[in-house]
Amino acid sequence: MTKITLFWGLGGLVGLESQGHSGGGAKGEDVVCAAVSSLVQALLVGLRDVARAPAHCEIDSAIPLIRVRWAEAKARELDLLTRAIALSLKEIASGHAGHVCVSEVYVS
């Protein structure tokens, strides 16, 4: 199962973590995993190339794990991008509950 955690600060979304494989198909043919991966990559490209917002990205391919965080001071400015990605991930989870789950954490 892919476990996605959305990290919320006072100003909005400030980070995202995606961990594990969805198990929705054979390795390399798992469309659920591909959808989640595509959205996380879109977030990274949006932060880096569109918004030009500094973000910290941590990847561990052995787990697999990708963790992305950005400054809370930028949360409102990045809201359209980050909320669209978060809502899209929630849609995938609602359609594939046995393969993807989304949790939300509020940080101070």
N, C-alpha and C. Protein backbone atom coordinates (compact mmCIF):
# COMPACT_ATOMS: atom_id res chain seq x y z
N MET A 1 0.84 -1.18 0.00
CA MET A 1 0.00 0.00 0.00
C MET A 1 0.88 1.24 0.00
N THR A 2 0.47 2.25 -0.76
CA THR A 2 1.15 3.54 -0.74
C THR A 2 0.48 4.39 0.33
N LYS A 3 1.28 4.87 1.25
CA LYS A 3 0.79 5.73 2.32
C LYS A 3 1.26 7.15 2.05
N ILE A 4 0.30 8.03 1.89
CA ILE A 4 0.60 9.43 1.63
C ILE A 4 0.23 10.24 2.86
N THR A 5 1.14 11.08 3.28
CA THR A 5 0.88 11.97 4.40
C THR A 5 1.00 13.40 3.90
N LEU A 6 -0.04 14.18 4.18
CA LEU A 6 -0.04 15.60 3.85
C LEU A 6 0.24 16.36 5.14
N PHE A 7 1.18 17.26 5.12
CA PHE A 7 1.56 18.05 6.30
C PHE A 7 1.03 19.47 6.13
N TRP A 8 0.18 19.88 7.06
CA TRP A 8 -0.44 21.20 7.02
C TRP A 8 0.12 22.07 8.12
N GLY A 9 0.46 23.31 7.77
CA GLY A 9 0.84 24.33 8.74
C GLY A 9 -0.27 25.35 8.84
N LEU A 10 -0.05 26.39 9.57
CA LEU A 10 -1.07 27.44 9.72
C LEU A 10 -1.38 28.13 8.41
N GLY A 11 -0.39 28.24 7.53
CA GLY A 11 -0.57 28.93 6.26
C GLY A 11 -1.07 28.06 5.13
N GLY A 12 -1.12 26.75 5.33
CA GLY A 12 -1.54 25.84 4.27
C GLY A 12 -0.67 24.60 4.25
N LEU A 13 -0.70 23.91 3.14
CA LEU A 13 0.09 22.68 2.98
C LEU A 13 1.57 23.04 2.95
N VAL A 14 2.37 22.31 3.74
CA VAL A 14 3.81 22.60 3.83
C VAL A 14 4.69 21.38 3.51
N GLY A 15 4.06 20.25 3.20
CA GLY A 15 4.85 19.09 2.87
C GLY A 15 4.00 17.90 2.50
N LEU A 16 4.66 16.91 1.92
CA LEU A 16 4.00 15.69 1.47
C LEU A 16 4.99 14.54 1.58
N GLU A 17 4.50 13.40 1.97
CA GLU A 17 5.34 12.19 2.01
C GLU A 17 4.57 11.07 1.35
N SER A 18 5.23 10.33 0.48
CA SER A 18 4.65 9.15 -0.16
C SER A 18 5.58 7.99 0.12
N GLN A 19 5.01 6.91 0.67
CA GLN A 19 5.83 5.78 1.08
C GLN A 19 5.18 4.47 0.65
N GLY A 20 5.98 3.59 0.06
CA GLY A 20 5.54 2.25 -0.29
C GLY A 20 4.99 2.14 -1.71
N HIS A 21 4.75 0.87 -2.10
CA HIS A 21 4.15 0.56 -3.41
C HIS A 21 2.68 0.27 -3.21
N SER A 22 1.87 0.62 -4.17
CA SER A 22 0.43 0.44 -4.05
C SER A 22 0.02 -1.03 -4.15
N GLY A 23 0.77 -1.83 -4.89
CA GLY A 23 0.40 -3.23 -5.06
C GLY A 23 -0.80 -3.41 -5.98
N GLY A 24 -1.04 -2.41 -6.83
CA GLY A 24 -2.19 -2.47 -7.74
C GLY A 24 -1.89 -3.21 -9.04
N GLY A 25 -0.69 -3.72 -9.19
CA GLY A 25 -0.31 -4.43 -10.40
C GLY A 25 1.14 -4.85 -10.31
N ALA A 26 1.59 -5.54 -11.34
CA ALA A 26 2.98 -5.99 -11.38
C ALA A 26 3.92 -4.79 -11.45
N LYS A 27 5.12 -4.96 -10.91
CA LYS A 27 6.10 -3.88 -10.93
C LYS A 27 6.32 -3.42 -12.37
N GLY A 28 6.25 -2.13 -12.55
CA GLY A 28 6.39 -1.56 -13.88
C GLY A 28 5.09 -1.48 -14.66
N GLU A 29 4.02 -2.08 -14.13
CA GLU A 29 2.71 -2.06 -14.80
C GLU A 29 1.61 -1.59 -13.87
N ASP A 30 1.96 -1.07 -12.72
CA ASP A 30 1.01 -0.65 -11.71
C ASP A 30 0.54 0.77 -12.00
N VAL A 31 -0.66 0.90 -12.56
CA VAL A 31 -1.15 2.23 -12.95
C VAL A 31 -1.46 3.11 -11.74
N VAL A 32 -1.82 2.48 -10.61
CA VAL A 32 -2.10 3.26 -9.40
C VAL A 32 -0.81 3.90 -8.90
N CYS A 33 0.23 3.11 -8.84
CA CYS A 33 1.54 3.61 -8.41
C CYS A 33 2.04 4.68 -9.38
N ALA A 34 1.82 4.45 -10.67
CA ALA A 34 2.25 5.42 -11.68
C ALA A 34 1.51 6.74 -11.52
N ALA A 35 0.22 6.68 -11.19
CA ALA A 35 -0.56 7.90 -11.01
C ALA A 35 -0.04 8.70 -9.82
N VAL A 36 0.21 8.02 -8.71
CA VAL A 36 0.74 8.70 -7.52
C VAL A 36 2.11 9.29 -7.83
N SER A 37 2.97 8.51 -8.45
CA SER A 37 4.32 8.99 -8.78
C SER A 37 4.27 10.20 -9.70
N SER A 38 3.37 10.18 -10.67
CA SER A 38 3.24 11.30 -11.60
C SER A 38 2.83 12.58 -10.87
N LEU A 39 1.90 12.45 -9.94
CA LEU A 39 1.47 13.64 -9.20
C LEU A 39 2.58 14.19 -8.31
N VAL A 40 3.33 13.31 -7.68
CA VAL A 40 4.44 13.78 -6.84
C VAL A 40 5.50 14.45 -7.71
N GLN A 41 5.77 13.88 -8.88
CA GLN A 41 6.72 14.51 -9.80
C GLN A 41 6.21 15.86 -10.29
N ALA A 42 4.90 15.95 -10.55
CA ALA A 42 4.31 17.22 -10.97
C ALA A 42 4.46 18.27 -9.87
N LEU A 43 4.29 17.85 -8.64
CA LEU A 43 4.50 18.77 -7.51
C LEU A 43 5.94 19.29 -7.51
N LEU A 44 6.90 18.39 -7.65
CA LEU A 44 8.31 18.79 -7.64
C LEU A 44 8.63 19.74 -8.78
N VAL A 45 8.15 19.43 -9.97
CA VAL A 45 8.40 20.29 -11.13
C VAL A 45 7.71 21.64 -10.94
N GLY A 46 6.49 21.62 -10.41
CA GLY A 46 5.77 22.86 -10.16
C GLY A 46 6.47 23.75 -9.16
N LEU A 47 6.96 23.14 -8.08
CA LEU A 47 7.68 23.91 -7.07
C LEU A 47 8.97 24.49 -7.64
N ARG A 48 9.72 23.64 -8.31
CA ARG A 48 11.05 24.04 -8.79
C ARG A 48 10.99 24.95 -10.02
N ASP A 49 10.24 24.55 -11.04
CA ASP A 49 10.33 25.23 -12.33
C ASP A 49 9.24 26.28 -12.57
N VAL A 50 8.10 26.13 -11.94
CA VAL A 50 7.02 27.09 -12.15
C VAL A 50 7.03 28.15 -11.04
N ALA A 51 6.94 27.69 -9.80
CA ALA A 51 6.88 28.63 -8.68
C ALA A 51 8.27 29.11 -8.25
N ARG A 52 9.29 28.38 -8.66
CA ARG A 52 10.67 28.68 -8.25
C ARG A 52 10.78 28.81 -6.73
N ALA A 53 10.10 27.89 -6.07
CA ALA A 53 10.08 27.87 -4.60
C ALA A 53 11.09 26.84 -4.11
N PRO A 54 11.96 27.23 -3.20
CA PRO A 54 12.90 26.24 -2.65
C PRO A 54 12.14 25.17 -1.87
N ALA A 55 12.50 23.94 -2.13
CA ALA A 55 11.87 22.82 -1.43
C ALA A 55 12.96 21.80 -1.10
N HIS A 56 12.77 21.14 0.02
CA HIS A 56 13.68 20.07 0.43
C HIS A 56 13.05 18.75 0.01
N CYS A 57 13.80 17.93 -0.70
CA CYS A 57 13.29 16.65 -1.17
C CYS A 57 14.22 15.54 -0.68
N GLU A 58 13.62 14.53 -0.09
CA GLU A 58 14.37 13.38 0.42
C GLU A 58 13.81 12.13 -0.25
N ILE A 59 14.69 11.33 -0.83
CA ILE A 59 14.26 10.12 -1.54
C ILE A 59 15.03 8.93 -1.00
N ASP A 60 14.32 7.84 -0.75
CA ASP A 60 14.94 6.57 -0.38
C ASP A 60 14.29 5.49 -1.24
N SER A 61 14.96 5.10 -2.31
CA SER A 61 14.37 4.16 -3.25
C SER A 61 14.25 2.75 -2.69
N ALA A 62 14.95 2.45 -1.62
CA ALA A 62 14.87 1.12 -1.02
C ALA A 62 13.52 0.88 -0.35
N ILE A 63 12.84 1.94 0.10
CA ILE A 63 11.59 1.77 0.87
C ILE A 63 10.38 1.57 -0.04
N PRO A 64 10.05 2.24 -1.05
CA PRO A 64 10.44 3.56 -1.52
C PRO A 64 9.75 4.66 -0.72
N LEU A 65 10.44 5.79 -0.68
CA LEU A 65 9.96 6.94 0.09
C LEU A 65 10.37 8.21 -0.63
N ILE A 66 9.44 9.14 -0.70
CA ILE A 66 9.77 10.50 -1.16
C ILE A 66 9.10 11.47 -0.21
N ARG A 67 9.88 12.39 0.29
CA ARG A 67 9.39 13.39 1.25
C ARG A 67 9.76 14.76 0.70
N VAL A 68 8.76 15.62 0.58
CA VAL A 68 8.98 16.97 0.05
C VAL A 68 8.43 17.97 1.05
N ARG A 69 9.22 18.97 1.36
CA ARG A 69 8.79 20.03 2.29
C ARG A 69 9.21 21.38 1.73
N TRP A 70 8.41 22.38 2.05
CA TRP A 70 8.72 23.74 1.64
C TRP A 70 8.38 24.67 2.80
N ALA A 71 8.87 25.89 2.71
CA ALA A 71 8.72 26.85 3.81
C ALA A 71 7.26 27.23 4.01
N GLU A 72 6.85 27.25 5.27
CA GLU A 72 5.48 27.64 5.59
C GLU A 72 5.21 29.08 5.12
N ALA A 73 6.21 29.90 5.09
CA ALA A 73 6.04 31.27 4.63
C ALA A 73 5.59 31.32 3.16
N LYS A 74 5.84 30.26 2.41
CA LYS A 74 5.46 30.18 1.00
C LYS A 74 4.13 29.44 0.80
N ALA A 75 3.55 28.90 1.86
CA ALA A 75 2.37 28.03 1.74
C ALA A 75 1.20 28.71 1.03
N ARG A 76 0.89 29.92 1.39
CA ARG A 76 -0.24 30.62 0.75
C ARG A 76 0.03 30.88 -0.73
N GLU A 77 1.25 31.25 -1.03
CA GLU A 77 1.65 31.52 -2.42
C GLU A 77 1.56 30.25 -3.27
N LEU A 78 1.85 29.10 -2.67
CA LEU A 78 1.87 27.83 -3.38
C LEU A 78 0.55 27.07 -3.31
N ASP A 79 -0.45 27.68 -2.69
CA ASP A 79 -1.71 26.98 -2.37
C ASP A 79 -2.38 26.35 -3.59
N LEU A 80 -2.48 27.04 -4.70
CA LEU A 80 -3.16 26.50 -5.87
C LEU A 80 -2.49 25.22 -6.35
N LEU A 81 -1.18 25.24 -6.46
CA LEU A 81 -0.42 24.06 -6.89
C LEU A 81 -0.54 22.93 -5.87
N THR A 82 -0.25 23.22 -4.62
CA THR A 82 -0.18 22.15 -3.62
C THR A 82 -1.55 21.56 -3.30
N ARG A 83 -2.57 22.40 -3.28
CA ARG A 83 -3.93 21.89 -3.00
C ARG A 83 -4.44 21.04 -4.16
N ALA A 84 -4.12 21.42 -5.40
CA ALA A 84 -4.52 20.62 -6.56
C ALA A 84 -3.89 19.22 -6.50
N ILE A 85 -2.62 19.16 -6.14
CA ILE A 85 -1.94 17.87 -6.01
C ILE A 85 -2.56 17.07 -4.87
N ALA A 86 -2.78 17.70 -3.72
CA ALA A 86 -3.37 17.01 -2.57
C ALA A 86 -4.75 16.46 -2.90
N LEU A 87 -5.58 17.25 -3.54
CA LEU A 87 -6.94 16.79 -3.90
C LEU A 87 -6.88 15.66 -4.92
N SER A 88 -5.95 15.73 -5.84
CA SER A 88 -5.79 14.66 -6.83
C SER A 88 -5.36 13.35 -6.17
N LEU A 89 -4.44 13.44 -5.22
CA LEU A 89 -4.01 12.24 -4.49
C LEU A 89 -5.17 11.66 -3.68
N LYS A 90 -5.99 12.51 -3.10
CA LYS A 90 -7.16 12.03 -2.34
C LYS A 90 -8.15 11.34 -3.27
N GLU A 91 -8.31 11.83 -4.47
CA GLU A 91 -9.20 11.19 -5.46
C GLU A 91 -8.70 9.80 -5.81
N ILE A 92 -7.41 9.68 -6.03
CA ILE A 92 -6.84 8.35 -6.32
C ILE A 92 -7.07 7.42 -5.15
N ALA A 93 -6.84 7.91 -3.94
CA ALA A 93 -7.04 7.08 -2.75
C ALA A 93 -8.51 6.66 -2.62
N SER A 94 -9.44 7.54 -2.93
CA SER A 94 -10.86 7.19 -2.78
C SER A 94 -11.28 6.13 -3.79
N GLY A 95 -10.64 6.10 -4.93
CA GLY A 95 -10.96 5.09 -5.94
C GLY A 95 -10.18 3.80 -5.80
N HIS A 96 -9.14 3.82 -4.98
CA HIS A 96 -8.26 2.65 -4.82
C HIS A 96 -7.91 2.47 -3.36
N ALA A 97 -8.93 2.40 -2.53
CA ALA A 97 -8.75 2.39 -1.07
C ALA A 97 -7.85 1.26 -0.58
N GLY A 98 -7.82 0.15 -1.25
CA GLY A 98 -6.97 -0.95 -0.83
C GLY A 98 -5.52 -0.79 -1.22
N HIS A 99 -5.23 0.26 -2.00
CA HIS A 99 -3.88 0.44 -2.51
C HIS A 99 -3.22 1.76 -2.12
N VAL A 100 -4.04 2.77 -1.82
CA VAL A 100 -3.51 4.10 -1.46
C VAL A 100 -4.33 4.63 -0.30
N CYS A 101 -3.65 5.18 0.69
CA CYS A 101 -4.35 5.88 1.77
C CYS A 101 -3.67 7.22 1.99
N VAL A 102 -4.49 8.19 2.34
CA VAL A 102 -3.99 9.54 2.60
C VAL A 102 -4.32 9.92 4.02
N SER A 103 -3.34 10.39 4.75
CA SER A 103 -3.58 10.92 6.09
C SER A 103 -3.07 12.36 6.11
N GLU A 104 -3.60 13.13 7.04
CA GLU A 104 -3.23 14.53 7.14
C GLU A 104 -2.74 14.81 8.55
N VAL A 105 -1.64 15.54 8.63
CA VAL A 105 -1.02 15.88 9.89
C VAL A 105 -0.94 17.40 9.97
N TYR A 106 -1.32 17.94 11.11
CA TYR A 106 -1.23 19.38 11.31
C TYR A 106 -0.02 19.67 12.19
N VAL A 107 0.90 20.46 11.63
CA VAL A 107 2.14 20.78 12.33
C VAL A 107 2.13 22.26 12.70
N SER A 108 2.83 22.60 13.75
CA SER A 108 2.86 24.01 14.15
C SER A 108 4.12 24.68 13.69
